[in-house]
């Protein structure tokens, strides 16, 4: 029994080292900037924040997400984005699109390497379902 407990503890410690060393993106101090929207509820905007943060945490090694800002697009801009994204077979078809701006710091060897990098992000969904990443990239 003691050996089993020791093995479980050893695995837990090893896992914590792996997680700490993976260099995952830091979203712990992100500032959300939300303005009122004519198209989206606060809950819809906030659920998009969570999708962006989860994506950032997994895909932005050694970076810190400083600010995440909802961007209101006009109806015509949203429709143009939907049409554009739906042209790609490798993206899920969407009937709605929401936009965000990200402000990011990048670290290299533990030191600040580049500051205030600006990214744009678009999320899509169908039938008021869950948001999914359509694109994220430098402004």
Foldseek 3Di string as FASTA:
>chain_A
DVVVVVVVVVVVVVVVVCLVPVQFEAEPAEDEAEDDAPPDDPVQVVLVVVQVVVCRRHPVGQKYWHYKYWDYDDPVVFVVVLVVLCVDPVDDRFPTKTKIKTFMFGDDPNHTDDGGFIKMWMWGHHPPDHTHTSDMDGD
